[in-house]
Structures are given as structure tokens and as C-alpha cells.
Amino acid sequence: MRSKIISYLLIFMFLFTIFIYVNDKKILDAKEEKIEKFQDRVAELEKEKEQLESENLNLNYFSLAENEEAISYFERLGINSKELAQAIEDEIIGRNKAAEDNDLVPFAGMEGVMRINKVKILNHKWIIADFTDGTYWGEILISYELDENKNLILNTEKSFLYPQD
């Protein structure tokens, strides 16, 4: 009788061990599958990140902040390009007046006063900006330079007013 009980116990332990092994194997396989999915997702995100970095680099190609030659130009003059960029933007936006058109915009406002909304400093000589009166809008190309006293001189070179539909 005792040997039968031991035999049953051994069979039970063997079956229990197989059950544990199969159950743990299923859990392990499920976790490995999850890990593979996460690794695939990480690889996709890395590829997307590289594409976005490349696109960002291309978009910032014409930007004072990313233009080493323009930055060096100002460094040779003893000018901090970041501070200059902020001063230029402040000057252009500061020309927006409550009751009159921005003097850099060569068009009179038809539905209100013309205001410059957005400014992008392209390099050490050129700026592009957009303007609107609330209904009509356009873009201007501005040249800039610093005189011998480091005063900012802005000149509107080209402008375009988009036609309304």
C-alpha cells in the first residue's frame, strides 16, 4: 500500500512538474512575444526620429541659429547672434502700431491695419516675414545690416500680397 501511495505521489509530482513547465513556457513565450513587439515599435520610432531629425535639419537650413557662416560673421564683429536675432524680431514686431500699418509692409490694410505676425531670420543679411490685416495677407523679404554704430537698418526688398478667392 505504501509503495502504491509513493508511486501515485511520484506520478502526481511528475504531472505537476509537466503542468508547471508548460504553464511557465506559455508565460515565457507570451512575454518574449511582447518584448519582440516592443523592440519592433522601438525600431519604428527610432527610424521615425531619424527622419524627423533629417527633416528638421532641412527645414532649419535657412536659419540664423543654424547657419555657422552667419554666426561666425557676427562673432567677428563682436555681436552675439542670438541676442541680435531677438533684437531684430523685437524691432520688426515693435513696428506694429495700434492704429497704423507696419511701415515695413508696402501695402495699406484694407480690412484693418497691416501687422507682421511671424519673422524668420534666414542668415546674416535676409529675413522673411508674413503680414495680414485680418483678411488679406502676404509675405515680405527684408534685408538687414548693422551700421558702423551697430544700429539696425531694415529694408523691404520684395513683397507679395496673396489674392483673395
C-alpha atoms as a PDB file:
ATOM      1  CA  MET A   1       0.000   0.000   0.000  1.00  0.00           C
ATOM      2  CA  ARG A   2       2.791   2.318   0.890  1.00  0.00           C
ATOM      3  CA  SER A   3       4.563   1.750  -2.403  1.00  0.00           C
ATOM      4  CA  LYS A   4       1.311   2.486  -4.273  1.00  0.00           C
ATOM      5  CA  ILE A   5       0.982   5.818  -2.474  1.00  0.00           C
ATOM      6  CA  ILE A   6       4.587   6.640  -3.262  1.00  0.00           C
ATOM      7  CA  SER A   7       4.002   5.662  -6.903  1.00  0.00           C
ATOM      8  CA  TYR A   8       0.904   7.881  -7.067  1.00  0.00           C
ATOM      9  CA  LEU A   9       2.805  10.712  -5.426  1.00  0.00           C
ATOM     10  CA  LEU A  10       5.664  10.345  -7.913  1.00  0.00           C
ATOM     11  CA  ILE A  11       3.204  10.302 -10.832  1.00  0.00           C
ATOM     12  CA  PHE A  12       1.383  13.309  -9.352  1.00  0.00           C
ATOM     13  CA  MET A  13       4.690  15.189  -8.875  1.00  0.00           C
ATOM     14  CA  PHE A  14       5.736  14.310 -12.412  1.00  0.00           C
ATOM     15  CA  LEU A  15       2.398  15.535 -13.849  1.00  0.00           C
ATOM     16  CA  PHE A  16       2.534  18.641 -11.654  1.00  0.00           C
ATOM     17  CA  THR A  17       6.078  19.352 -12.866  1.00  0.00           C
ATOM     18  CA  ILE A  18       4.962  18.981 -16.502  1.00  0.00           C
ATOM     19  CA  PHE A  19       1.998  21.281 -15.802  1.00  0.00           C
ATOM     20  CA  ILE A  20       4.273  23.920 -14.242  1.00  0.00           C
ATOM     21  CA  TYR A  21       6.747  23.627 -17.114  1.00  0.00           C
ATOM     22  CA  VAL A  22       4.043  24.012 -19.805  1.00  0.00           C
ATOM     23  CA  ASN A  23       2.401  26.917 -17.948  1.00  0.00           C
ATOM     24  CA  ASP A  24       5.723  28.711 -17.416  1.00  0.00           C
ATOM     25  CA  LYS A  25       6.660  28.083 -21.055  1.00  0.00           C
ATOM     26  CA  LYS A  26       3.406  29.732 -22.199  1.00  0.00           C
ATOM     27  CA  ILE A  27       4.043  32.728 -19.916  1.00  0.00           C
ATOM     28  CA  LEU A  28       7.633  32.989 -21.130  1.00  0.00           C
ATOM     29  CA  ASP A  29       6.592  32.760 -24.786  1.00  0.00           C
ATOM     30  CA  ALA A  30       3.921  35.455 -24.274  1.00  0.00           C
ATOM     31  CA  LYS A  31       6.460  37.763 -22.617  1.00  0.00           C
ATOM     32  CA  GLU A  32       9.019  37.134 -25.376  1.00  0.00           C
ATOM     33  CA  GLU A  33       6.368  37.959 -27.982  1.00  0.00           C
ATOM     34  CA  LYS A  34       5.555  41.172 -26.113  1.00  0.00           C
ATOM     35  CA  ILE A  35       9.260  42.047 -25.958  1.00  0.00           C
ATOM     36  CA  GLU A  36       9.599  41.476 -29.711  1.00  0.00           C
ATOM     37  CA  LYS A  37       6.612  43.751 -30.390  1.00  0.00           C
ATOM     38  CA  PHE A  38       8.135  46.456 -28.178  1.00  0.00           C
ATOM     39  CA  GLN A  39      11.502  46.068 -29.914  1.00  0.00           C
ATOM     40  CA  ASP A  40       9.800  46.394 -33.309  1.00  0.00           C
ATOM     41  CA  ARG A  41       7.971  49.513 -32.075  1.00  0.00           C
ATOM     42  CA  VAL A  42      11.230  50.985 -30.730  1.00  0.00           C
ATOM     43  CA  ALA A  43      12.888  50.334 -34.104  1.00  0.00           C
ATOM     44  CA  GLU A  44       9.978  52.068 -35.895  1.00  0.00           C
ATOM     45  CA  LEU A  45      10.200  55.049 -33.536  1.00  0.00           C
ATOM     46  CA  GLU A  46      13.984  55.273 -33.982  1.00  0.00           C
ATOM     47  CA  LYS A  47      13.526  55.323 -37.753  1.00  0.00           C
ATOM     48  CA  GLU A  48      10.797  57.980 -37.447  1.00  0.00           C
ATOM     49  CA  LYS A  49      13.048  60.007 -35.117  1.00  0.00           C
ATOM     50  CA  GLU A  50      15.888  59.895 -37.663  1.00  0.00           C
ATOM     51  CA  GLN A  51      13.514  61.007 -40.432  1.00  0.00           C
ATOM     52  CA  LEU A  52      12.205  63.886 -38.295  1.00  0.00           C
ATOM     53  CA  GLU A  53      15.737  64.955 -37.358  1.00  0.00           C
ATOM     54  CA  SER A  54      16.694  64.963 -41.042  1.00  0.00           C
ATOM     55  CA  GLU A  55      13.561  66.906 -41.948  1.00  0.00           C
ATOM     56  CA  ASN A  56      14.211  69.375 -39.121  1.00  0.00           C
ATOM     57  CA  LEU A  57      17.776  69.848 -40.333  1.00  0.00           C
ATOM     58  CA  ASN A  58      16.475  70.580 -43.836  1.00  0.00           C
ATOM     59  CA  LEU A  59      13.837  72.989 -42.514  1.00  0.00           C
ATOM     60  CA  ASN A  60      16.426  74.856 -40.448  1.00  0.00           C
ATOM     61  CA  TYR A  61      18.910  75.093 -43.293  1.00  0.00           C
ATOM     62  CA  PHE A  62      17.871  78.712 -43.809  1.00  0.00           C
ATOM     63  CA  SER A  63      18.030  79.870 -40.225  1.00  0.00           C
ATOM     64  CA  LEU A  64      20.420  82.216 -38.488  1.00  0.00           C
ATOM     65  CA  ALA A  65      20.504  79.894 -35.482  1.00  0.00           C
ATOM     66  CA  GLU A  66      21.843  77.019 -37.612  1.00  0.00           C
ATOM     67  CA  ASN A  67      23.986  78.947 -40.112  1.00  0.00           C
ATOM     68  CA  GLU A  68      27.609  78.664 -38.976  1.00  0.00           C
ATOM     69  CA  GLU A  69      28.877  81.176 -41.531  1.00  0.00           C
ATOM     70  CA  ALA A  70      26.353  83.806 -40.425  1.00  0.00           C
ATOM     71  CA  ILE A  71      27.093  83.174 -36.753  1.00  0.00           C
ATOM     72  CA  SER A  72      30.834  83.488 -37.458  1.00  0.00           C
ATOM     73  CA  TYR A  73      30.199  86.718 -39.371  1.00  0.00           C
ATOM     74  CA  PHE A  74      28.580  88.266 -36.302  1.00  0.00           C
ATOM     75  CA  GLU A  75      31.178  86.809 -33.927  1.00  0.00           C
ATOM     76  CA  ARG A  76      33.909  88.576 -35.946  1.00  0.00           C
ATOM     77  CA  LEU A  77      32.009  91.821 -35.336  1.00  0.00           C
ATOM     78  CA  GLY A  78      31.761  91.039 -31.613  1.00  0.00           C
ATOM     79  CA  ILE A  79      27.981  90.512 -31.773  1.00  0.00           C
ATOM     80  CA  ASN A  80      26.048  87.694 -30.108  1.00  0.00           C
ATOM     81  CA  SER A  81      23.847  86.295 -32.907  1.00  0.00           C
ATOM     82  CA  LYS A  82      21.137  85.046 -30.508  1.00  0.00           C
ATOM     83  CA  GLU A  83      20.800  88.461 -28.888  1.00  0.00           C
ATOM     84  CA  LEU A  84      20.818  90.119 -32.308  1.00  0.00           C
ATOM     85  CA  ALA A  85      18.114  87.759 -33.597  1.00  0.00           C
ATOM     86  CA  GLN A  86      15.904  88.635 -30.627  1.00  0.00           C
ATOM     87  CA  ALA A  87      16.559  92.360 -31.126  1.00  0.00           C
ATOM     88  CA  ILE A  88      15.664  92.078 -34.824  1.00  0.00           C
ATOM     89  CA  GLU A  89      12.408  90.259 -34.103  1.00  0.00           C
ATOM     90  CA  ASP A  90      11.530  92.773 -31.383  1.00  0.00           C
ATOM     91  CA  GLU A  91      12.234  95.674 -33.753  1.00  0.00           C
ATOM     92  CA  ILE A  92      10.119  94.245 -36.578  1.00  0.00           C
ATOM     93  CA  ILE A  93       7.171  93.252 -34.381  1.00  0.00           C
ATOM     94  CA  GLY A  94       7.564  96.517 -32.440  1.00  0.00           C
ATOM     95  CA  ARG A  95       6.728  98.408 -35.609  1.00  0.00           C
ATOM     96  CA  ASN A  96       3.170  97.046 -35.388  1.00  0.00           C
ATOM     97  CA  LYS A  97       1.181 100.065 -34.189  1.00  0.00           C
ATOM     98  CA  ALA A  98      -2.357 100.164 -32.828  1.00  0.00           C
ATOM     99  CA  ALA A  99      -3.807 102.452 -35.474  1.00  0.00           C
ATOM    100  CA  GLU A 100      -1.365 102.350 -38.396  1.00  0.00           C
ATOM    101  CA  ASP A 101       0.192  99.833 -40.757  1.00  0.00           C
ATOM    102  CA  ASN A 102       3.633  98.379 -40.062  1.00  0.00           C
ATOM    103  CA  ASP A 103       5.989 100.571 -42.101  1.00  0.00           C
ATOM    104  CA  LEU A 104       7.871  97.553 -43.458  1.00  0.00           C
ATOM    105  CA  VAL A 105       4.721  96.324 -45.228  1.00  0.00           C
ATOM    106  CA  PRO A 106       4.330  98.139 -48.572  1.00  0.00           C
ATOM    107  CA  PHE A 107       0.563  97.562 -48.707  1.00  0.00           C
ATOM    108  CA  ALA A 108      -2.150  99.527 -46.946  1.00  0.00           C
ATOM    109  CA  GLY A 109      -4.515  97.481 -44.827  1.00  0.00           C
ATOM    110  CA  MET A 110      -7.899  97.066 -46.476  1.00  0.00           C
ATOM    111  CA  GLU A 111      -9.790  95.383 -43.647  1.00  0.00           C
ATOM    112  CA  GLY A 112      -7.688  96.776 -40.800  1.00  0.00           C
ATOM    113  CA  VAL A 113      -4.059  97.673 -40.201  1.00  0.00           C
ATOM    114  CA  MET A 114      -1.289  95.554 -41.683  1.00  0.00           C
ATOM    115  CA  ARG A 115       0.695  93.782 -38.996  1.00  0.00           C
ATOM    116  CA  ILE A 116       3.672  91.494 -39.222  1.00  0.00           C
ATOM    117  CA  ASN A 117       2.880  88.207 -37.494  1.00  0.00           C
ATOM    118  CA  LYS A 118       5.835  85.937 -37.954  1.00  0.00           C
ATOM    119  CA  VAL A 119       9.509  86.593 -38.580  1.00  0.00           C
ATOM    120  CA  LYS A 120      12.247  84.186 -39.654  1.00  0.00           C
ATOM    121  CA  ILE A 121      15.828  85.359 -39.841  1.00  0.00           C
ATOM    122  CA  LEU A 122      17.366  83.393 -42.685  1.00  0.00           C
ATOM    123  CA  ASN A 123      21.030  84.394 -42.337  1.00  0.00           C
ATOM    124  CA  HIS A 124      23.243  87.414 -41.725  1.00  0.00           C
ATOM    125  CA  LYS A 125      21.510  89.513 -44.420  1.00  0.00           C
ATOM    126  CA  TRP A 126      17.951  88.299 -45.033  1.00  0.00           C
ATOM    127  CA  ILE A 127      14.654  87.993 -43.160  1.00  0.00           C
ATOM    128  CA  ILE A 128      11.300  86.666 -44.312  1.00  0.00           C
ATOM    129  CA  ALA A 129       8.080  87.701 -42.599  1.00  0.00           C
ATOM    130  CA  ASP A 130       4.362  87.315 -43.108  1.00  0.00           C
ATOM    131  CA  PHE A 131       1.766  90.013 -42.586  1.00  0.00           C
ATOM    132  CA  THR A 132      -2.006  90.397 -42.531  1.00  0.00           C
ATOM    133  CA  ASP A 133      -4.799  92.853 -41.916  1.00  0.00           C
ATOM    134  CA  GLY A 134      -7.064  90.067 -40.724  1.00  0.00           C
ATOM    135  CA  THR A 135      -8.417  89.287 -44.187  1.00  0.00           C
ATOM    136  CA  TYR A 136      -5.630  89.950 -46.663  1.00  0.00           C
ATOM    137  CA  TRP A 137      -2.157  88.584 -46.132  1.00  0.00           C
ATOM    138  CA  GLY A 138       1.219  88.264 -47.737  1.00  0.00           C
ATOM    139  CA  GLU A 139       4.942  87.912 -47.245  1.00  0.00           C
ATOM    140  CA  ILE A 140       7.913  90.240 -47.396  1.00  0.00           C
ATOM    141  CA  LEU A 141      11.620  89.735 -47.869  1.00  0.00           C
ATOM    142  CA  ILE A 142      13.643  92.135 -45.740  1.00  0.00           C
ATOM    143  CA  SER A 143      17.350  92.848 -45.953  1.00  0.00           C
ATOM    144  CA  TYR A 144      19.144  93.989 -42.846  1.00  0.00           C
ATOM    145  CA  GLU A 145      22.512  95.291 -41.833  1.00  0.00           C
ATOM    146  CA  LEU A 146      24.207  96.988 -38.956  1.00  0.00           C
ATOM    147  CA  ASP A 147      25.769 100.393 -39.497  1.00  0.00           C
ATOM    148  CA  GLU A 148      29.148 101.402 -38.025  1.00  0.00           C
ATOM    149  CA  ASN A 149      27.404 102.198 -34.706  1.00  0.00           C
ATOM    150  CA  LYS A 150      25.724  98.766 -34.760  1.00  0.00           C
ATOM    151  CA  ASN A 151      22.301 100.311 -35.408  1.00  0.00           C
ATOM    152  CA  LEU A 152      19.896  98.026 -37.225  1.00  0.00           C
ATOM    153  CA  ILE A 153      18.865  99.066 -40.745  1.00  0.00           C
ATOM    154  CA  LEU A 154      15.873  97.219 -42.255  1.00  0.00           C
ATOM    155  CA  ASN A 155      14.782  97.465 -45.905  1.00  0.00           C
ATOM    156  CA  THR A 156      11.823  95.732 -47.532  1.00  0.00           C
ATOM    157  CA  GLU A 157      13.192  94.241 -50.761  1.00  0.00           C
ATOM    158  CA  LYS A 158      10.295  92.191 -52.124  1.00  0.00           C
ATOM    159  CA  SER A 159       6.696  91.702 -51.120  1.00  0.00           C
ATOM    160  CA  PHE A 160       3.743  89.655 -52.194  1.00  0.00           C
ATOM    161  CA  LEU A 161       0.079  90.086 -51.343  1.00  0.00           C
ATOM    162  CA  TYR A 162      -1.899  86.905 -51.895  1.00  0.00           C
ATOM    163  CA  PRO A 163      -5.060  87.341 -53.959  1.00  0.00           C
ATOM    164  CA  GLN A 164      -8.385  86.592 -52.308  1.00  0.00           C
ATOM    165  CA  ASP A 165     -10.665  83.933 -53.782  1.00  0.00           C
END
